[in-house]
PDB file of N, CA and C in Angstrom:
ATOM      1  N   UNK A   1     -13.669  11.071 -15.032  1.00  0.00           N
ATOM      2  CA  UNK A   1     -13.175  11.058 -13.678  1.00  0.00           C
ATOM      3  C   UNK A   1     -11.816  10.364 -13.682  1.00  0.00           C
ATOM      4  N   UNK A   2     -10.831  11.041 -13.128  1.00  0.00           N
ATOM      5  CA  UNK A   2      -9.484  10.495 -13.096  1.00  0.00           C
ATOM      6  C   UNK A   2      -9.282   9.553 -11.922  1.00  0.00           C
ATOM      7  N   UNK A   3      -8.175   8.868 -11.943  1.00  0.00           N
ATOM      8  CA  UNK A   3      -7.854   7.925 -10.883  1.00  0.00           C
ATOM      9  C   UNK A   3      -7.676   8.632  -9.550  1.00  0.00           C
ATOM     10  N   UNK A   4      -7.011   9.787  -9.553  1.00  0.00           N
ATOM     11  CA  UNK A   4      -6.799  10.499  -8.289  1.00  0.00           C
ATOM     12  C   UNK A   4      -8.113  10.988  -7.702  1.00  0.00           C
ATOM     13  N   UNK A   5      -9.054  11.370  -8.546  1.00  0.00           N
ATOM     14  CA  UNK A   5     -10.370  11.801  -8.061  1.00  0.00           C
ATOM     15  C   UNK A   5     -11.129  10.626  -7.472  1.00  0.00           C
ATOM     16  N   UNK A   6     -11.068   9.498  -8.130  1.00  0.00           N
ATOM     17  CA  UNK A   6     -11.765   8.308  -7.642  1.00  0.00           C
ATOM     18  C   UNK A   6     -11.193   7.845  -6.306  1.00  0.00           C
ATOM     19  N   UNK A   7      -9.881   7.876  -6.175  1.00  0.00           N
ATOM     20  CA  UNK A   7      -9.247   7.442  -4.931  1.00  0.00           C
ATOM     21  C   UNK A   7      -9.522   8.444  -3.811  1.00  0.00           C
ATOM     22  N   UNK A   8      -9.531   9.736  -4.124  1.00  0.00           N
ATOM     23  CA  UNK A   8      -9.745  10.735  -3.079  1.00  0.00           C
ATOM     24  C   UNK A   8     -11.165  10.706  -2.539  1.00  0.00           C
ATOM     25  N   UNK A   9     -12.107  10.147  -3.274  1.00  0.00           N
ATOM     26  CA  UNK A   9     -13.487  10.063  -2.805  1.00  0.00           C
ATOM     27  C   UNK A   9     -13.744   8.843  -1.933  1.00  0.00           C
ATOM     28  N   UNK A  10     -12.791   7.940  -1.841  1.00  0.00           N
ATOM     29  CA  UNK A  10     -12.960   6.750  -1.017  1.00  0.00           C
ATOM     30  C   UNK A  10     -12.811   7.096   0.464  1.00  0.00           C
ATOM     31  N   UNK A  11     -13.359   6.257   1.352  1.00  0.00           N
ATOM     32  CA  UNK A  11     -13.126   6.469   2.783  1.00  0.00           C
ATOM     33  C   UNK A  11     -11.653   6.281   3.125  1.00  0.00           C
ATOM     34  N   UNK A  12     -11.240   6.858   4.235  1.00  0.00           N
ATOM     35  CA  UNK A  12      -9.819   6.880   4.618  1.00  0.00           C
ATOM     36  C   UNK A  12      -9.166   5.496   4.669  1.00  0.00           C
ATOM     37  N   UNK A  13      -9.753   4.470   5.290  1.00  0.00           N
ATOM     38  CA  UNK A  13      -9.056   3.173   5.306  1.00  0.00           C
ATOM     39  C   UNK A  13      -8.810   2.602   3.903  1.00  0.00           C
ATOM     40  N   UNK A  14      -9.783   2.741   3.020  1.00  0.00           N
ATOM     41  CA  UNK A  14      -9.621   2.218   1.661  1.00  0.00           C
ATOM     42  C   UNK A  14      -8.566   2.998   0.891  1.00  0.00           C
ATOM     43  N   UNK A  15      -8.574   4.309   1.056  1.00  0.00           N
ATOM     44  CA  UNK A  15      -7.598   5.156   0.369  1.00  0.00           C
ATOM     45  C   UNK A  15      -6.184   4.824   0.831  1.00  0.00           C
ATOM     46  N   UNK A  16      -5.985   4.675   2.138  1.00  0.00           N
ATOM     47  CA  UNK A  16      -4.658   4.343   2.662  1.00  0.00           C
ATOM     48  C   UNK A  16      -4.218   2.953   2.234  1.00  0.00           C
ATOM     49  N   UNK A  17      -5.168   2.028   2.134  1.00  0.00           N
ATOM     50  CA  UNK A  17      -4.836   0.675   1.709  1.00  0.00           C
ATOM     51  C   UNK A  17      -4.344   0.670   0.261  1.00  0.00           C
ATOM     52  N   UNK A  18      -5.008   1.407  -0.606  1.00  0.00           N
ATOM     53  CA  UNK A  18      -4.604   1.463  -2.013  1.00  0.00           C
ATOM     54  C   UNK A  18      -3.238   2.113  -2.163  1.00  0.00           C
ATOM     55  N   UNK A  19      -3.019   3.209  -1.464  1.00  0.00           N
ATOM     56  CA  UNK A  19      -1.729   3.895  -1.549  1.00  0.00           C
ATOM     57  C   UNK A  19      -0.611   3.013  -1.016  1.00  0.00           C
ATOM     58  N   UNK A  20      -0.830   2.371   0.126  1.00  0.00           N
ATOM     59  CA  UNK A  20       0.188   1.483   0.700  1.00  0.00           C
ATOM     60  C   UNK A  20       0.515   0.312  -0.209  1.00  0.00           C
ATOM     61  N   UNK A  21      -0.517  -0.275  -0.808  1.00  0.00           N
ATOM     62  CA  UNK A  21      -0.295  -1.412  -1.705  1.00  0.00           C
ATOM     63  C   UNK A  21       0.471  -0.982  -2.953  1.00  0.00           C
ATOM     64  N   UNK A  22       0.132   0.167  -3.512  1.00  0.00           N
ATOM     65  CA  UNK A  22       0.834   0.633  -4.712  1.00  0.00           C
ATOM     66  C   UNK A  22       2.286   0.983  -4.424  1.00  0.00           C
ATOM     67  N   UNK A  23       2.514   1.673  -3.317  1.00  0.00           N
ATOM     68  CA  UNK A  23       3.884   2.100  -3.011  1.00  0.00           C
ATOM     69  C   UNK A  23       4.769   0.896  -2.699  1.00  0.00           C
ATOM     70  N   UNK A  24       4.343   0.058  -1.761  1.00  0.00           N
ATOM     71  CA  UNK A  24       5.186  -1.089  -1.422  1.00  0.00           C
ATOM     72  C   UNK A  24       5.235  -2.127  -2.537  1.00  0.00           C
ATOM     73  N   UNK A  25       4.177  -2.248  -3.316  1.00  0.00           N
ATOM     74  CA  UNK A  25       4.212  -3.158  -4.461  1.00  0.00           C
ATOM     75  C   UNK A  25       5.213  -2.711  -5.505  1.00  0.00           C
ATOM     76  N   UNK A  26       5.280  -1.404  -5.757  1.00  0.00           N
ATOM     77  CA  UNK A  26       6.260  -0.882  -6.718  1.00  0.00           C
ATOM     78  C   UNK A  26       7.687  -1.055  -6.207  1.00  0.00           C
ATOM     79  N   UNK A  27       7.892  -0.765  -4.934  1.00  0.00           N
ATOM     80  CA  UNK A  27       9.237  -0.947  -4.359  1.00  0.00           C
ATOM     81  C   UNK A  27       9.629  -2.417  -4.389  1.00  0.00           C
ATOM     82  N   UNK A  28       8.697  -3.293  -4.030  1.00  0.00           N
ATOM     83  CA  UNK A  28       8.971  -4.731  -4.074  1.00  0.00           C
ATOM     84  C   UNK A  28       9.253  -5.216  -5.487  1.00  0.00           C
ATOM     85  N   UNK A  29       8.554  -4.664  -6.469  1.00  0.00           N
ATOM     86  CA  UNK A  29       8.804  -5.036  -7.858  1.00  0.00           C
ATOM     87  C   UNK A  29      10.187  -4.635  -8.327  1.00  0.00           C
ATOM     88  N   UNK A  30      10.622  -3.442  -7.943  1.00  0.00           N
ATOM     89  CA  UNK A  30      11.968  -2.989  -8.316  1.00  0.00           C
ATOM     90  C   UNK A  30      13.022  -3.845  -7.626  1.00  0.00           C
ATOM     91  N   UNK A  31      12.816  -4.132  -6.352  1.00  0.00           N
ATOM     92  CA  UNK A  31      13.767  -4.997  -5.630  1.00  0.00           C
ATOM     93  C   UNK A  31      13.794  -6.381  -6.272  1.00  0.00           C
ATOM     94  N   UNK A  32      12.627  -6.907  -6.620  1.00  0.00           N
ATOM     95  CA  UNK A  32      12.574  -8.212  -7.279  1.00  0.00           C
ATOM     96  C   UNK A  32      13.293  -8.213  -8.614  1.00  0.00           C
ATOM     97  N   UNK A  33      13.160  -7.128  -9.368  1.00  0.00           N
ATOM     98  CA  UNK A  33      13.847  -7.037 -10.652  1.00  0.00           C
ATOM     99  C   UNK A  33      15.360  -7.043 -10.457  1.00  0.00           C
ATOM    100  N   UNK A  34      15.845  -6.288  -9.507  1.00  0.00           N
ATOM    101  CA  UNK A  34      17.294  -6.230  -9.252  1.00  0.00           C
ATOM    102  C   UNK A  34      17.796  -7.590  -8.785  1.00  0.00           C
ATOM    103  N   UNK A  35      17.096  -8.193  -7.849  1.00  0.00           N
ATOM    104  CA  UNK A  35      17.512  -9.506  -7.348  1.00  0.00           C
ATOM    105  C   UNK A  35      17.452 -10.539  -8.467  1.00  0.00           C
ATOM    106  N   UNK A  36      16.406 -10.503  -9.272  1.00  0.00           N
ATOM    107  CA  UNK A  36      16.280 -11.458 -10.372  1.00  0.00           C
ATOM    108  C   UNK A  36      17.354 -11.303 -11.426  1.00  0.00           C
ATOM    109  N   UNK A  37      17.706 -10.043 -11.740  1.00  0.00           N
ATOM    110  CA  UNK A  37      18.768  -9.829 -12.727  1.00  0.00           C
ATOM    111  C   UNK A  37      20.128 -10.285 -12.212  1.00  0.00           C
ATOM    112  N   UNK A  38      20.359 -10.141 -10.931  1.00  0.00           N
ATOM    113  CA  UNK A  38      21.626 -10.591 -10.349  1.00  0.00           C
ATOM    114  C   UNK A  38      21.661 -12.117 -10.266  1.00  0.00           C
ATOM    115  N   UNK A  39      20.543 -12.735  -9.859  1.00  0.00           N
ATOM    116  CA  UNK A  39      20.523 -14.183  -9.651  1.00  0.00           C
ATOM    117  C   UNK A  39      20.511 -14.955 -10.968  1.00  0.00           C
ATOM    118  N   UNK A  40      19.509 -14.701 -11.815  1.00  0.00           N
ATOM    119  CA  UNK A  40      19.392 -15.444 -13.077  1.00  0.00           C
ATOM    120  C   UNK A  40      18.527 -14.622 -14.028  1.00  0.00           C
ATOM    121  N   UNK A  41      19.157 -13.847 -14.908  1.00  0.00           N
ATOM    122  CA  UNK A  41      18.433 -12.889 -15.760  1.00  0.00           C
ATOM    123  C   UNK A  41      17.268 -13.447 -16.585  1.00  0.00           C
ATOM    124  N   UNK A  42      17.314 -14.673 -17.126  1.00  0.00           N
ATOM    125  CA  UNK A  42      16.169 -15.127 -17.918  1.00  0.00           C
ATOM    126  C   UNK A  42      14.853 -15.230 -17.135  1.00  0.00           C
ATOM    127  N   UNK A  43      14.921 -15.381 -15.833  1.00  0.00           N
ATOM    128  CA  UNK A  43      13.698 -15.486 -15.039  1.00  0.00           C
ATOM    129  C   UNK A  43      13.507 -14.283 -14.116  1.00  0.00           C
ATOM    130  N   UNK A  44      14.084 -13.154 -14.458  1.00  0.00           N
ATOM    131  CA  UNK A  44      13.972 -11.962 -13.613  1.00  0.00           C
ATOM    132  C   UNK A  44      12.531 -11.473 -13.512  1.00  0.00           C
ATOM    133  N   UNK A  45      11.736 -11.669 -14.540  1.00  0.00           N
ATOM    134  CA  UNK A  45      10.339 -11.223 -14.505  1.00  0.00           C
ATOM    135  C   UNK A  45       9.564 -11.917 -13.397  1.00  0.00           C
ATOM    136  N   UNK A  46       9.913 -13.184 -13.114  1.00  0.00           N
ATOM    137  CA  UNK A  46       9.204 -13.912 -12.063  1.00  0.00           C
ATOM    138  C   UNK A  46       9.584 -13.375 -10.686  1.00  0.00           C
ATOM    139  N   UNK A  47      10.819 -12.952 -10.529  1.00  0.00           N
ATOM    140  CA  UNK A  47      11.241 -12.386  -9.243  1.00  0.00           C
ATOM    141  C   UNK A  47      10.505 -11.079  -8.952  1.00  0.00           C
ATOM    142  N   UNK A  48      10.148 -10.349 -10.000  1.00  0.00           N
ATOM    143  CA  UNK A  48       9.357  -9.129  -9.809  1.00  0.00           C
ATOM    144  C   UNK A  48       8.027  -9.484  -9.149  1.00  0.00           C
ATOM    145  N   UNK A  49       7.361 -10.520  -9.638  1.00  0.00           N
ATOM    146  CA  UNK A  49       6.102 -10.950  -9.042  1.00  0.00           C
ATOM    147  C   UNK A  49       6.306 -11.611  -7.685  1.00  0.00           C
ATOM    148  N   UNK A  50       7.366 -12.383  -7.575  1.00  0.00           N
ATOM    149  CA  UNK A  50       7.621 -13.138  -6.362  1.00  0.00           C
ATOM    150  C   UNK A  50       7.881 -12.235  -5.156  1.00  0.00           C
ATOM    151  N   UNK A  51       8.462 -11.091  -5.381  1.00  0.00           N
ATOM    152  CA  UNK A  51       8.730 -10.158  -4.283  1.00  0.00           C
ATOM    153  C   UNK A  51       7.717  -9.019  -4.277  1.00  0.00           C
ATOM    154  N   UNK A  52       7.278  -8.571  -5.436  1.00  0.00           N
ATOM    155  CA  UNK A  52       6.379  -7.434  -5.529  1.00  0.00           C
ATOM    156  C   UNK A  52       4.974  -7.700  -5.016  1.00  0.00           C
ATOM    157  N   UNK A  53       4.427  -8.859  -5.296  1.00  0.00           N
ATOM    158  CA  UNK A  53       3.055  -9.167  -4.867  1.00  0.00           C
ATOM    159  C   UNK A  53       2.947  -9.278  -3.347  1.00  0.00           C
ATOM    160  N   UNK A  54       3.826 -10.037  -2.669  1.00  0.00           N
ATOM    161  CA  UNK A  54       3.732 -10.055  -1.204  1.00  0.00           C
ATOM    162  C   UNK A  54       4.007  -8.684  -0.575  1.00  0.00           C
ATOM    163  N   UNK A  55       4.916  -7.919  -1.163  1.00  0.00           N
ATOM    164  CA  UNK A  55       5.174  -6.576  -0.635  1.00  0.00           C
ATOM    165  C   UNK A  55       3.941  -5.697  -0.794  1.00  0.00           C
ATOM    166  N   UNK A  56       3.256  -5.811  -1.915  1.00  0.00           N
ATOM    167  CA  UNK A  56       2.024  -5.057  -2.115  1.00  0.00           C
ATOM    168  C   UNK A  56       0.931  -5.466  -1.144  1.00  0.00           C
ATOM    169  N   UNK A  57       0.843  -6.741  -0.854  1.00  0.00           N
ATOM    170  CA  UNK A  57      -0.151  -7.213   0.114  1.00  0.00           C
ATOM    171  C   UNK A  57       0.153  -6.680   1.513  1.00  0.00           C
ATOM    172  N   UNK A  58       1.420  -6.702   1.893  1.00  0.00           N
ATOM    173  CA  UNK A  58       1.798  -6.138   3.191  1.00  0.00           C
ATOM    174  C   UNK A  58       1.551  -4.642   3.246  1.00  0.00           C
ATOM    175  N   UNK A  59       1.831  -3.953   2.146  1.00  0.00           N
ATOM    176  CA  UNK A  59       1.559  -2.521   2.083  1.00  0.00           C
ATOM    177  C   UNK A  59       0.080  -2.219   2.196  1.00  0.00           C
ATOM    178  N   UNK A  60      -0.742  -3.034   1.562  1.00  0.00           N
ATOM    179  CA  UNK A  60      -2.185  -2.857   1.669  1.00  0.00           C
ATOM    180  C   UNK A  60      -2.694  -3.102   3.075  1.00  0.00           C
ATOM    181  N   UNK A  61      -2.170  -4.117   3.719  1.00  0.00           N
ATOM    182  CA  UNK A  61      -2.570  -4.408   5.091  1.00  0.00           C
ATOM    183  C   UNK A  61      -2.124  -3.301   6.038  1.00  0.00           C
ATOM    184  N   UNK A  62      -0.888  -2.865   5.883  1.00  0.00           N
ATOM    185  CA  UNK A  62      -0.393  -1.766   6.714  1.00  0.00           C
ATOM    186  C   UNK A  62      -1.160  -0.481   6.465  1.00  0.00           C
ATOM    187  N   UNK A  63      -1.471  -0.195   5.213  1.00  0.00           N
ATOM    188  CA  UNK A  63      -2.257   0.988   4.893  1.00  0.00           C
ATOM    189  C   UNK A  63      -3.658   0.923   5.469  1.00  0.00           C
ATOM    190  N   UNK A  64      -4.243  -0.257   5.483  1.00  0.00           N
ATOM    191  CA  UNK A  64      -5.572  -0.433   6.048  1.00  0.00           C
ATOM    192  C   UNK A  64      -5.563  -0.149   7.550  1.00  0.00           C
ATOM    193  N   UNK A  65      -4.546  -0.647   8.234  1.00  0.00           N
ATOM    194  CA  UNK A  65      -4.432  -0.404   9.677  1.00  0.00           C
ATOM    195  C   UNK A  65      -4.225   1.080   9.953  1.00  0.00           C
ATOM    196  N   UNK A  66      -3.299   1.704   9.231  1.00  0.00           N
ATOM    197  CA  UNK A  66      -3.038   3.133   9.426  1.00  0.00           C
ATOM    198  C   UNK A  66      -4.269   3.959   9.077  1.00  0.00           C
ATOM    199  N   UNK A  67      -4.956   3.612   8.006  1.00  0.00           N
ATOM    200  CA  UNK A  67      -6.161   4.330   7.616  1.00  0.00           C
ATOM    201  C   UNK A  67      -7.273   4.198   8.639  1.00  0.00           C
ATOM    202  N   UNK A  68      -7.413   3.014   9.224  1.00  0.00           N
ATOM    203  CA  UNK A  68      -8.436   2.820  10.255  1.00  0.00           C
ATOM    204  C   UNK A  68      -8.112   3.639  11.500  1.00  0.00           C
ATOM    205  N   UNK A  69      -6.847   3.713  11.851  1.00  0.00           N
ATOM    206  CA  UNK A  69      -6.444   4.524  13.004  1.00  0.00           C
ATOM    207  C   UNK A  69      -6.697   5.992  12.716  1.00  0.00           C
ATOM    208  N   UNK A  70      -6.323   6.437  11.517  1.00  0.00           N
ATOM    209  CA  UNK A  70      -6.537   7.846  11.158  1.00  0.00           C
ATOM    210  C   UNK A  70      -8.014   8.187  11.090  1.00  0.00           C
ATOM    211  N   UNK A  71      -8.832   7.288  10.581  1.00  0.00           N
ATOM    212  CA  UNK A  71     -10.267   7.560  10.465  1.00  0.00           C
ATOM    213  C   UNK A  71     -10.921   7.655  11.836  1.00  0.00           C
ATOM    214  N   UNK A  72     -10.453   6.879  12.776  1.00  0.00           N
ATOM    215  CA  UNK A  72     -11.031   6.917  14.114  1.00  0.00           C
ATOM    216  C   UNK A  72     -10.492   8.038  14.976  1.00  0.00           C
ATOM    217  N   UNK A  73      -9.305   8.500  14.684  1.00  0.00           N
ATOM    218  CA  UNK A  73      -8.680   9.491  15.566  1.00  0.00           C
ATOM    219  C   UNK A  73      -9.173  10.902  15.329  1.00  0.00           C
ATOM    220  N   UNK A  74      -9.602  11.256  14.123  1.00  0.00           N
ATOM    221  CA  UNK A  74      -9.998  12.639  13.869  1.00  0.00           C
ATOM    222  C   UNK A  74     -11.397  12.940  14.371  1.00  0.00           C
ATOM    223  N   UNK A  75     -12.171  11.932  14.666  1.00  0.00           N
ATOM    224  CA  UNK A  75     -13.549  12.158  15.091  1.00  0.00           C
ATOM    225  C   UNK A  75     -13.655  12.588  16.557  1.00  0.00           C
ATOM    226  N   UNK A  76     -12.694  12.227  17.374  1.00  0.00           N
ATOM    227  CA  UNK A  76     -12.736  12.564  18.787  1.00  0.00           C
ATOM    228  C   UNK A  76     -11.696  13.633  19.063  1.00  0.00           C
ATOM    229  N   UNK A  77     -12.110  14.866  19.327  1.00  0.00           N
ATOM    230  CA  UNK A  77     -11.139  15.912  19.648  1.00  0.00           C
ATOM    231  C   UNK A  77     -10.420  15.599  20.957  1.00  0.00           C
ATOM    232  N   UNK A  78      -9.190  16.022  21.053  1.00  0.00           N
ATOM    233  CA  UNK A  78      -8.425  15.759  22.281  1.00  0.00           C
ATOM    234  C   UNK A  78      -9.003  16.573  23.429  1.00  0.00           C
ATOM    235  N   UNK A  79      -9.058  15.953  24.566  1.00  0.00           N
ATOM    236  CA  UNK A  79      -9.566  16.621  25.758  1.00  0.00           C
ATOM    237  C   UNK A  79     -11.072  16.524  25.911  1.00  0.00           C
ATOM    238  N   UNK A  80     -11.763  15.943  24.959  1.00  0.00           N
ATOM    239  CA  UNK A  80     -13.211  15.796  25.042  1.00  0.00           C
ATOM    240  C   UNK A  80     -13.578  14.322  24.961  1.00  0.00           C
ATOM    241  N   UNK A  81     -14.635  13.992  25.639  1.00  0.00           N
ATOM    242  CA  UNK A  81     -15.095  12.616  25.553  1.00  0.00           C
ATOM    243  C   UNK A  81     -16.025  12.475  24.348  1.00  0.00           C
ATOM    244  N   UNK A  82     -16.036  11.302  23.717  1.00  0.00           N
ATOM    245  CA  UNK A  82     -16.933  11.112  22.575  1.00  0.00           C
ATOM    246  C   UNK A  82     -18.381  11.154  23.004  1.00  0.00           C
ATOM    247  N   UNK A  83     -19.257  11.665  22.157  1.00  0.00           N
ATOM    248  CA  UNK A  83     -20.683  11.770  22.505  1.00  0.00           C
ATOM    249  C   UNK A  83     -21.429  10.535  22.142  1.00  0.00           C
TER     250      UNK A  83
END
């Protein structure tokens, strides 16, 4: 079983949380690397963690919120009241 299969079988909030954390964590890591190389190259690896980890946490939180909204919105068709 591949990673994409395992992630696609998860419920919507969990799937969105993982995707958000990976995307923003990767972007934060790249930004941290650039900032670290400009500021002080010998410690650039720490800047990757220093910016990438909080960005990944924010991405996971944002993905969880978006996933919860998406999971709740498809169950109630527009124009109908929930049963």
